[in-house]
C-alpha atoms as a PDB file:
ATOM      1  CA  MET A   1       0.898 -26.577   3.130  1.00  0.00           C
ATOM      2  CA  PRO A   2      -1.049 -23.256   3.079  1.00  0.00           C
ATOM      3  CA  VAL A   3       1.147 -20.099   3.964  1.00  0.00           C
ATOM      4  CA  GLN A   4       0.381 -18.662   7.373  1.00  0.00           C
ATOM      5  CA  ILE A   5      -0.229 -14.828   7.162  1.00  0.00           C
ATOM      6  CA  THR A   6      -1.611 -14.184  10.644  1.00  0.00           C
ATOM      7  CA  GLY A   7      -2.971 -16.429  13.337  1.00  0.00           C
ATOM      8  CA  ASN A   8      -6.247 -16.887  11.628  1.00  0.00           C
ATOM      9  CA  VAL A   9      -5.752 -16.285   8.475  1.00  0.00           C
ATOM     10  CA  SER A  10      -3.372 -18.382   5.882  1.00  0.00           C
ATOM     11  CA  LEU A  11      -3.512 -18.485   1.798  1.00  0.00           C
ATOM     12  CA  ALA A  12      -4.133 -22.034   0.163  1.00  0.00           C
ATOM     13  CA  ASP A  13      -1.494 -23.302  -2.182  1.00  0.00           C
ATOM     14  CA  ARG A  14      -3.880 -23.671  -4.560  1.00  0.00           C
ATOM     15  CA  ASP A  15      -4.153 -19.841  -4.917  1.00  0.00           C
ATOM     16  CA  LEU A  16      -0.668 -19.826  -5.638  1.00  0.00           C
ATOM     17  CA  ALA A  17       1.356 -20.311  -8.907  1.00  0.00           C
ATOM     18  CA  TRP A  18       5.133 -20.087  -9.250  1.00  0.00           C
ATOM     19  CA  SER A  19       7.288 -19.651 -12.298  1.00  0.00           C
ATOM     20  CA  PHE A  20      11.036 -19.375 -12.605  1.00  0.00           C
ATOM     21  CA  VAL A  21      12.927 -16.977 -14.865  1.00  0.00           C
ATOM     22  CA  ARG A  22      16.730 -16.085 -15.236  1.00  0.00           C
ATOM     23  CA  ALA A  23      16.726 -12.505 -13.287  1.00  0.00           C
ATOM     24  CA  SER A  24      19.412  -9.618 -13.948  1.00  0.00           C
ATOM     25  CA  GLY A  25      21.538  -8.618 -10.871  1.00  0.00           C
ATOM     26  CA  PRO A  26      23.502 -10.747  -8.271  1.00  0.00           C
ATOM     27  CA  GLY A  27      24.532 -14.425  -9.145  1.00  0.00           C
ATOM     28  CA  GLY A  28      27.605 -14.289 -10.581  1.00  0.00           C
ATOM     29  CA  GLN A  29      28.368 -16.764 -13.726  1.00  0.00           C
ATOM     30  CA  ASN A  30      24.701 -18.592 -12.999  1.00  0.00           C
ATOM     31  CA  VAL A  31      22.910 -15.321 -13.545  1.00  0.00           C
ATOM     32  CA  ASN A  32      22.857 -16.300 -17.565  1.00  0.00           C
ATOM     33  CA  LYS A  33      22.525 -20.413 -16.622  1.00  0.00           C
ATOM     34  CA  VAL A  34      20.191 -20.574 -13.769  1.00  0.00           C
ATOM     35  CA  ALA A  35      16.348 -19.460 -13.512  1.00  0.00           C
ATOM     36  CA  THR A  36      16.517 -17.729  -9.790  1.00  0.00           C
ATOM     37  CA  ALA A  37      13.950 -14.920 -10.284  1.00  0.00           C
ATOM     38  CA  ALA A  38      10.854 -16.130  -8.729  1.00  0.00           C
ATOM     39  CA  ARG A  39       7.548 -14.820 -10.187  1.00  0.00           C
ATOM     40  CA  LEU A  40       4.763 -15.713  -7.465  1.00  0.00           C
ATOM     41  CA  ARG A  41       0.901 -15.661  -9.007  1.00  0.00           C
ATOM     42  CA  PHE A  42      -1.957 -15.274  -6.808  1.00  0.00           C
ATOM     43  CA  ASP A  43      -5.549 -15.408  -7.658  1.00  0.00           C
ATOM     44  CA  LEU A  44      -6.839 -12.690  -5.858  1.00  0.00           C
ATOM     45  CA  ALA A  45     -10.397 -12.863  -7.828  1.00  0.00           C
ATOM     46  CA  GLY A  46     -10.863 -16.535  -7.402  1.00  0.00           C
ATOM     47  CA  THR A  47      -9.567 -16.819  -3.656  1.00  0.00           C
ATOM     48  CA  GLU A  48     -11.723 -18.009  -0.668  1.00  0.00           C
ATOM     49  CA  SER A  49      -9.465 -17.266   1.939  1.00  0.00           C
ATOM     50  CA  LEU A  50      -9.965 -13.504   2.452  1.00  0.00           C
ATOM     51  CA  GLU A  51     -13.244 -11.478   2.820  1.00  0.00           C
ATOM     52  CA  PRO A  52     -14.252  -9.711  -0.241  1.00  0.00           C
ATOM     53  CA  ALA A  53     -13.625  -6.040   2.114  1.00  0.00           C
ATOM     54  CA  VAL A  54      -9.976  -7.738   2.427  1.00  0.00           C
ATOM     55  CA  LYS A  55     -10.155  -8.257  -1.441  1.00  0.00           C
ATOM     56  CA  GLU A  56     -10.616  -4.892  -2.124  1.00  0.00           C
ATOM     57  CA  ARG A  57      -7.748  -3.524   0.010  1.00  0.00           C
ATOM     58  CA  LEU A  58      -5.548  -5.632  -0.863  1.00  0.00           C
ATOM     59  CA  ARG A  59      -6.293  -4.642  -4.890  1.00  0.00           C
ATOM     60  CA  SER A  60      -6.049  -1.198  -3.944  1.00  0.00           C
ATOM     61  CA  LEU A  61      -2.417  -1.731  -2.257  1.00  0.00           C
ATOM     62  CA  ALA A  62      -1.504  -3.741  -4.422  1.00  0.00           C
ATOM     63  CA  GLY A  63      -2.269  -1.099  -8.104  1.00  0.00           C
ATOM     64  CA  ARG A  64      -1.066  -2.114 -10.420  1.00  0.00           C
ATOM     65  CA  ARG A  65       0.787  -5.251  -9.935  1.00  0.00           C
ATOM     66  CA  VAL A  66      -2.896  -6.479 -10.168  1.00  0.00           C
ATOM     67  CA  SER A  67      -3.753  -8.331 -13.538  1.00  0.00           C
ATOM     68  CA  GLU A  68      -6.425  -7.529 -15.505  1.00  0.00           C
ATOM     69  CA  ASP A  69      -8.419 -11.714 -14.792  1.00  0.00           C
ATOM     70  CA  GLY A  70      -7.543 -10.853 -11.109  1.00  0.00           C
ATOM     71  CA  ALA A  71      -4.131 -12.258 -10.288  1.00  0.00           C
ATOM     72  CA  LEU A  72      -1.661 -10.402  -7.846  1.00  0.00           C
ATOM     73  CA  LEU A  73       1.855 -10.486  -9.473  1.00  0.00           C
ATOM     74  CA  ILE A  74       4.931 -10.388  -7.147  1.00  0.00           C
ATOM     75  CA  VAL A  75       8.381 -10.955  -8.878  1.00  0.00           C
ATOM     76  CA  ALA A  76      11.191 -11.105  -6.710  1.00  0.00           C
ATOM     77  CA  ARG A  77      14.821 -11.036  -7.921  1.00  0.00           C
ATOM     78  CA  ASN A  78      16.920  -9.478  -5.213  1.00  0.00           C
ATOM     79  CA  GLN A  79      18.200 -12.842  -3.727  1.00  0.00           C
ATOM     80  CA  ARG A  80      21.337 -15.247  -5.294  1.00  0.00           C
ATOM     81  CA  THR A  81      19.237 -18.275  -5.367  1.00  0.00           C
ATOM     82  CA  GLN A  82      16.328 -19.358  -5.918  1.00  0.00           C
ATOM     83  CA  GLU A  83      15.066 -20.648  -2.881  1.00  0.00           C
ATOM     84  CA  GLY A  84      15.820 -16.698  -1.111  1.00  0.00           C
ATOM     85  CA  ASN A  85      13.718 -15.294  -4.121  1.00  0.00           C
ATOM     86  CA  ARG A  86      10.893 -17.396  -3.224  1.00  0.00           C
ATOM     87  CA  ARG A  87      10.832 -16.801   0.281  1.00  0.00           C
ATOM     88  CA  GLU A  88      11.148 -12.830  -0.348  1.00  0.00           C
ATOM     89  CA  ALA A  89       8.360 -13.159  -2.897  1.00  0.00           C
ATOM     90  CA  LEU A  90       5.722 -14.887   0.465  1.00  0.00           C
ATOM     91  CA  GLU A  91       7.028 -12.096   2.638  1.00  0.00           C
ATOM     92  CA  ARG A  92       5.749  -9.324   0.533  1.00  0.00           C
ATOM     93  CA  LEU A  93       2.402 -11.140  -0.602  1.00  0.00           C
ATOM     94  CA  ALA A  94       1.687 -11.571   3.041  1.00  0.00           C
ATOM     95  CA  GLU A  95       2.859  -7.985   3.868  1.00  0.00           C
ATOM     96  CA  LEU A  96       0.713  -6.982   1.382  1.00  0.00           C
ATOM     97  CA  VAL A  97      -2.133  -9.160   3.604  1.00  0.00           C
ATOM     98  CA  ARG A  98      -1.318  -8.230   6.515  1.00  0.00           C
ATOM     99  CA  ARG A  99      -2.046  -4.461   5.389  1.00  0.00           C
ATOM    100  CA  ALA A 100      -5.247  -5.328   3.961  1.00  0.00           C
ATOM    101  CA  LEU A 101      -6.320  -7.231   6.797  1.00  0.00           C
ATOM    102  CA  VAL A 102      -6.596  -3.430   8.886  1.00  0.00           C
ATOM    103  CA  ALA A 103      -9.627  -2.162   8.481  1.00  0.00           C
ATOM    104  CA  PRO A 104      -9.029   1.760   7.898  1.00  0.00           C
ATOM    105  CA  LYS A 105     -10.956   3.726  11.039  1.00  0.00           C
ATOM    106  CA  ALA A 106     -14.049   5.057  10.041  1.00  0.00           C
ATOM    107  CA  ARG A 107     -13.367   9.304  10.055  1.00  0.00           C
ATOM    108  CA  ARG A 108     -16.682  10.852  12.033  1.00  0.00           C
ATOM    109  CA  ALA A 109     -17.226  14.135  11.618  1.00  0.00           C
ATOM    110  CA  THR A 110     -16.698  17.140  13.837  1.00  0.00           C
ATOM    111  CA  ARG A 111     -17.665  20.774  14.175  1.00  0.00           C
ATOM    112  CA  PRO A 112     -15.028  23.390  15.125  1.00  0.00           C
ATOM    113  CA  THR A 113     -15.615  24.497  18.983  1.00  0.00           C
ATOM    114  CA  ARG A 114     -17.059  28.017  20.172  1.00  0.00           C
ATOM    115  CA  ALA A 115     -13.390  28.972  21.500  1.00  0.00           C
ATOM    116  CA  SER A 116     -11.703  27.784  17.724  1.00  0.00           C
ATOM    117  CA  ARG A 117     -14.158  29.873  15.835  1.00  0.00           C
ATOM    118  CA  GLU A 118     -13.710  32.630  18.173  1.00  0.00           C
ATOM    119  CA  ARG A 119      -9.532  32.795  18.007  1.00  0.00           C
ATOM    120  CA  ARG A 120      -9.696  32.109  14.352  1.00  0.00           C
ATOM    121  CA  LEU A 121     -12.492  35.310  13.841  1.00  0.00           C
ATOM    122  CA  GLU A 122     -10.258  37.294  15.955  1.00  0.00           C
ATOM    123  CA  THR A 123      -7.253  36.364  13.795  1.00  0.00           C
ATOM    124  CA  LYS A 124      -8.777  37.343  11.116  1.00  0.00           C
ATOM    125  CA  THR A 125      -9.623  40.915  12.673  1.00  0.00           C
ATOM    126  CA  GLN A 126      -5.598  41.237  13.393  1.00  0.00           C
ATOM    127  CA  ARG A 127      -4.901  40.689   9.959  1.00  0.00           C
ATOM    128  CA  ARG A 128      -7.526  42.795   8.720  1.00  0.00           C
ATOM    129  CA  THR A 129      -5.997  45.554  11.017  1.00  0.00           C
ATOM    130  CA  THR A 130      -2.476  45.211  10.044  1.00  0.00           C
ATOM    131  CA  LYS A 131      -3.047  45.629   6.285  1.00  0.00           C
ATOM    132  CA  GLN A 132      -5.277  48.400   6.723  1.00  0.00           C
ATOM    133  CA  LEU A 133      -2.780  50.288   8.716  1.00  0.00           C
ATOM    134  CA  ARG A 134      -0.369  49.821   5.950  1.00  0.00           C
ATOM    135  CA  ARG A 135      -2.520  51.734   3.358  1.00  0.00           C
ATOM    136  CA  ARG A 136      -1.702  55.012   2.221  1.00  0.00           C
ATOM    137  CA  ILE A 137      -3.255  57.880   4.287  1.00  0.00           C
ATOM    138  CA  ALA A 138      -5.947  59.901   2.935  1.00  0.00           C
ATOM    139  CA  TRP A 139      -5.235  63.425   3.173  1.00  0.00           C
ATOM    140  CA  ASP A 140      -9.079  64.613   1.911  1.00  0.00           C
ATOM    141  CA  ASP A 141     -10.680  64.568   5.485  1.00  0.00           C
END
C-alpha cells in the first residue's frame, strides 16, 4: 500500500525499507526485550515517485540523514510501541517530503527608489554634521 503524502503525491512501498531495533527511553521492562525503535530507510536516489527537483530539495532538507548511497534514514524511538514509532517515522518522512514539494519563490532583483536613496543620503549628511560638531574647535583662524 503506497504512502500518501498529498492529494497527488504518494511514495511506493518498494522505496521504503523497515527495520526495528531495541530503543532506549520509554518502554518499562520491555525496553530490554522488544525491538520497538523503527528505522525507516527511504531510497531517495532510486525512487520514481518524486521529480528530480523535489529530490534535490529533499536531499538538502534532510542534511546528514541522507547516506552516501542516496538513502534517507529516519529513526523513531519516542513511542512505547513498534506501531507508534512506525507511524511517527512515516509522519516525519511525509512532512519532509511536503516541505520539499514547495518550490522556493524566485527572488527578483529590485532597485531602491529615488526617495529611499535621497533619505539615505540625507541621514548620511546629518550624521556627518553631528560628528563634525563633536570635533575639537580649532583656534588658529
